[in-house]
Amino acid sequence: MQSENPLIADFVKLMNSAAGTFAGMTREARDSARERVREAVGGFDFVSREEFDAVKAMAAKARDENEALAARLDALEAKVKG
């Protein structure tokens, strides 16, 4: 059985409005914080995973070639000295 007291009805309406306003403020604060983080991170110069993997493979290949050339140089120097 609902109460017919207008004071209680007005108080319930006020609490419902306050809850809605608080939920809206929370949503607005969350969206604002998300946008600030997005702007801050957007300024960084990140590379994609594919770019990183490509450069990593290039570095590994260059390292292997460098080791092969060092071995050839050592062999040539040994030949010249011997």
N, C-alpha and C. Protein backbone atom coordinates (compact mmCIF):
# COMPACT_ATOMS: atom_id res chain seq x y z
N MET A 1 0.84 -1.17 0.00
CA MET A 1 0.00 0.00 0.00
C MET A 1 0.88 1.23 0.00
N GLN A 2 0.71 2.09 -1.00
CA GLN A 2 1.55 3.28 -1.10
C GLN A 2 1.02 4.37 -0.20
N SER A 3 1.96 5.19 0.25
CA SER A 3 1.60 6.29 1.12
C SER A 3 1.10 7.46 0.27
N GLU A 4 0.12 8.14 0.74
CA GLU A 4 -0.43 9.31 0.05
C GLU A 4 0.18 10.60 0.58
N ASN A 5 1.20 10.47 1.43
CA ASN A 5 1.82 11.64 2.03
C ASN A 5 2.63 12.38 0.97
N PRO A 6 2.27 13.64 0.67
CA PRO A 6 3.00 14.39 -0.37
C PRO A 6 4.45 14.69 0.03
N LEU A 7 4.72 14.79 1.30
CA LEU A 7 6.08 15.05 1.75
C LEU A 7 6.99 13.87 1.41
N ILE A 8 6.51 12.67 1.63
CA ILE A 8 7.30 11.48 1.30
C ILE A 8 7.45 11.35 -0.21
N ALA A 9 6.39 11.61 -0.95
CA ALA A 9 6.44 11.54 -2.41
C ALA A 9 7.45 12.54 -2.96
N ASP A 10 7.45 13.75 -2.43
CA ASP A 10 8.40 14.78 -2.87
C ASP A 10 9.84 14.38 -2.51
N PHE A 11 10.01 13.80 -1.33
CA PHE A 11 11.35 13.35 -0.92
C PHE A 11 11.86 12.24 -1.84
N VAL A 12 10.99 11.30 -2.20
CA VAL A 12 11.37 10.21 -3.10
C VAL A 12 11.73 10.77 -4.47
N LYS A 13 10.96 11.73 -4.97
CA LYS A 13 11.26 12.37 -6.25
C LYS A 13 12.63 13.07 -6.19
N LEU A 14 12.88 13.76 -5.08
CA LEU A 14 14.16 14.46 -4.90
C LEU A 14 15.32 13.46 -4.89
N MET A 15 15.16 12.34 -4.21
CA MET A 15 16.22 11.34 -4.15
C MET A 15 16.45 10.70 -5.53
N ASN A 16 15.37 10.45 -6.25
CA ASN A 16 15.51 9.90 -7.61
C ASN A 16 16.24 10.88 -8.52
N SER A 17 15.91 12.14 -8.41
CA SER A 17 16.59 13.17 -9.22
C SER A 17 18.06 13.26 -8.84
N ALA A 18 18.35 13.22 -7.54
CA ALA A 18 19.74 13.30 -7.07
C ALA A 18 20.53 12.09 -7.56
N ALA A 19 19.92 10.91 -7.53
CA ALA A 19 20.60 9.71 -8.00
C ALA A 19 20.89 9.81 -9.50
N GLY A 20 19.93 10.31 -10.26
CA GLY A 20 20.13 10.49 -11.69
C GLY A 20 21.21 11.51 -11.99
N THR A 21 21.21 12.59 -11.24
CA THR A 21 22.24 13.61 -11.42
C THR A 21 23.61 13.07 -11.07
N PHE A 22 23.69 12.32 -9.98
CA PHE A 22 24.97 11.73 -9.58
C PHE A 22 25.47 10.74 -10.62
N ALA A 23 24.58 9.93 -11.17
CA ALA A 23 24.97 8.98 -12.21
C ALA A 23 25.46 9.73 -13.45
N GLY A 24 24.80 10.81 -13.80
CA GLY A 24 25.23 11.62 -14.94
C GLY A 24 26.58 12.26 -14.71
N MET A 25 26.81 12.75 -13.50
CA MET A 25 28.12 13.35 -13.16
C MET A 25 29.22 12.30 -13.23
N THR A 26 28.92 11.10 -12.74
CA THR A 26 29.90 10.02 -12.77
C THR A 26 30.24 9.66 -14.21
N ARG A 27 29.23 9.53 -15.05
CA ARG A 27 29.43 9.20 -16.46
C ARG A 27 30.25 10.30 -17.16
N GLU A 28 29.92 11.55 -16.87
CA GLU A 28 30.63 12.68 -17.47
C GLU A 28 32.09 12.71 -17.03
N ALA A 29 32.35 12.46 -15.75
CA ALA A 29 33.72 12.45 -15.24
C ALA A 29 34.52 11.31 -15.88
N ARG A 30 33.91 10.13 -16.01
CA ARG A 30 34.58 8.99 -16.63
C ARG A 30 34.91 9.28 -18.08
N ASP A 31 33.96 9.84 -18.82
CA ASP A 31 34.20 10.16 -20.23
C ASP A 31 35.27 11.23 -20.38
N SER A 32 35.26 12.21 -19.50
CA SER A 32 36.27 13.27 -19.54
C SER A 32 37.66 12.71 -19.25
N ALA A 33 37.77 11.85 -18.25
CA ALA A 33 39.06 11.25 -17.92
C ALA A 33 39.54 10.37 -19.06
N ARG A 34 38.64 9.61 -19.66
CA ARG A 34 39.01 8.75 -20.78
C ARG A 34 39.54 9.59 -21.95
N GLU A 35 38.90 10.71 -22.22
CA GLU A 35 39.34 11.59 -23.31
C GLU A 35 40.71 12.20 -23.01
N ARG A 36 40.95 12.59 -21.76
CA ARG A 36 42.26 13.14 -21.40
C ARG A 36 43.37 12.10 -21.58
N VAL A 37 43.11 10.88 -21.16
CA VAL A 37 44.11 9.81 -21.33
C VAL A 37 44.34 9.55 -22.80
N ARG A 38 43.28 9.52 -23.58
CA ARG A 38 43.40 9.28 -25.03
C ARG A 38 44.26 10.38 -25.68
N GLU A 39 44.06 11.64 -25.28
CA GLU A 39 44.86 12.74 -25.82
C GLU A 39 46.32 12.61 -25.40
N ALA A 40 46.56 12.24 -24.15
CA ALA A 40 47.93 12.13 -23.65
C ALA A 40 48.66 10.99 -24.34
N VAL A 41 48.02 9.85 -24.48
CA VAL A 41 48.66 8.69 -25.10
C VAL A 41 48.80 8.92 -26.61
N GLY A 42 47.88 9.65 -27.19
CA GLY A 42 47.93 9.91 -28.63
C GLY A 42 49.17 10.70 -29.03
N GLY A 43 49.75 11.44 -28.10
CA GLY A 43 50.94 12.22 -28.39
C GLY A 43 52.21 11.39 -28.44
N PHE A 44 52.17 10.17 -27.91
CA PHE A 44 53.34 9.30 -27.94
C PHE A 44 53.49 8.71 -29.32
N ASP A 45 54.71 8.36 -29.66
CA ASP A 45 54.99 7.82 -30.98
C ASP A 45 55.27 6.33 -30.85
N PHE A 46 54.21 5.54 -30.70
CA PHE A 46 54.34 4.10 -30.56
C PHE A 46 54.46 3.44 -31.93
N VAL A 47 55.12 2.32 -31.97
CA VAL A 47 55.19 1.54 -33.21
C VAL A 47 54.25 0.36 -33.10
N SER A 48 53.81 -0.13 -34.25
CA SER A 48 52.93 -1.29 -34.24
C SER A 48 53.74 -2.55 -33.99
N ARG A 49 53.07 -3.62 -33.66
CA ARG A 49 53.73 -4.90 -33.42
C ARG A 49 54.43 -5.39 -34.68
N GLU A 50 53.79 -5.18 -35.83
CA GLU A 50 54.37 -5.61 -37.10
C GLU A 50 55.67 -4.86 -37.38
N GLU A 51 55.68 -3.55 -37.14
CA GLU A 51 56.90 -2.76 -37.35
C GLU A 51 58.01 -3.22 -36.42
N PHE A 52 57.66 -3.47 -35.17
CA PHE A 52 58.64 -3.93 -34.19
C PHE A 52 59.25 -5.26 -34.62
N ASP A 53 58.39 -6.19 -35.04
CA ASP A 53 58.88 -7.50 -35.46
C ASP A 53 59.76 -7.40 -36.70
N ALA A 54 59.43 -6.48 -37.63
CA ALA A 54 60.23 -6.31 -38.84
C ALA A 54 61.62 -5.78 -38.49
N VAL A 55 61.69 -4.80 -37.62
CA VAL A 55 62.98 -4.24 -37.22
C VAL A 55 63.79 -5.26 -36.42
N LYS A 56 63.12 -6.05 -35.61
CA LYS A 56 63.80 -7.10 -34.84
C LYS A 56 64.43 -8.13 -35.79
N ALA A 57 63.70 -8.50 -36.84
CA ALA A 57 64.23 -9.46 -37.82
C ALA A 57 65.41 -8.85 -38.58
N MET A 58 65.31 -7.57 -38.91
CA MET A 58 66.42 -6.90 -39.61
C MET A 58 67.66 -6.87 -38.72
N ALA A 59 67.48 -6.60 -37.45
CA ALA A 59 68.62 -6.56 -36.52
C ALA A 59 69.26 -7.94 -36.38
N ALA A 60 68.44 -8.98 -36.31
CA ALA A 60 68.98 -10.34 -36.21
C ALA A 60 69.77 -10.70 -37.46
N LYS A 61 69.25 -10.33 -38.63
CA LYS A 61 69.95 -10.61 -39.88
C LYS A 61 71.27 -9.85 -39.93
N ALA A 62 71.26 -8.58 -39.53
CA ALA A 62 72.49 -7.79 -39.53
C ALA A 62 73.52 -8.38 -38.57
N ARG A 63 73.06 -8.86 -37.42
CA ARG A 63 73.97 -9.47 -36.44
C ARG A 63 74.60 -10.74 -37.02
N ASP A 64 73.80 -11.56 -37.70
CA ASP A 64 74.32 -12.79 -38.33
C ASP A 64 75.34 -12.45 -39.42
N GLU A 65 75.04 -11.45 -40.24
CA GLU A 65 75.96 -11.05 -41.29
C GLU A 65 77.26 -10.50 -40.69
N ASN A 66 77.14 -9.75 -39.62
CA ASN A 66 78.32 -9.20 -38.94
C ASN A 66 79.21 -10.32 -38.40
N GLU A 67 78.59 -11.33 -37.80
CA GLU A 67 79.36 -12.47 -37.29
C GLU A 67 80.06 -13.22 -38.42
N ALA A 68 79.37 -13.39 -39.56
CA ALA A 68 79.96 -14.09 -40.71
C ALA A 68 81.14 -13.28 -41.26
N LEU A 69 80.96 -11.97 -41.36
CA LEU A 69 82.05 -11.12 -41.85
C LEU A 69 83.24 -11.12 -40.89
N ALA A 70 82.98 -11.14 -39.60
CA ALA A 70 84.06 -11.19 -38.62
C ALA A 70 84.84 -12.50 -38.75
N ALA A 71 84.13 -13.58 -38.99
CA ALA A 71 84.80 -14.88 -39.17
C ALA A 71 85.65 -14.86 -40.43
N ARG A 72 85.15 -14.30 -41.52
CA ARG A 72 85.93 -14.20 -42.77
C ARG A 72 87.17 -13.34 -42.56
N LEU A 73 86.99 -12.23 -41.84
CA LEU A 73 88.13 -11.34 -41.57
C LEU A 73 89.19 -12.05 -40.75
N ASP A 74 88.76 -12.77 -39.74
CA ASP A 74 89.72 -13.52 -38.91
C ASP A 74 90.46 -14.54 -39.77
N ALA A 75 89.75 -15.22 -40.66
CA ALA A 75 90.38 -16.21 -41.54
C ALA A 75 91.39 -15.54 -42.47
N LEU A 76 91.03 -14.41 -43.03
CA LEU A 76 91.96 -13.69 -43.92
C LEU A 76 93.19 -13.18 -43.17
N GLU A 77 92.98 -12.66 -41.97
CA GLU A 77 94.12 -12.17 -41.17
C GLU A 77 95.03 -13.33 -40.80
N ALA A 78 94.48 -14.48 -40.48
CA ALA A 78 95.28 -15.64 -40.14
C ALA A 78 96.09 -16.09 -41.36
N LYS A 79 95.49 -16.02 -42.52
CA LYS A 79 96.15 -16.41 -43.76
C LYS A 79 97.33 -15.48 -44.07
N VAL A 80 97.11 -14.18 -43.85
CA VAL A 80 98.16 -13.20 -44.14
C VAL A 80 99.31 -13.35 -43.16
N LYS A 81 99.05 -13.60 -41.91
CA LYS A 81 100.09 -13.75 -40.88
C LYS A 81 100.82 -15.08 -41.02
N GLY A 82 100.14 -16.08 -41.50
CA GLY A 82 100.71 -17.42 -41.49
C GLY A 82 101.50 -17.72 -42.69
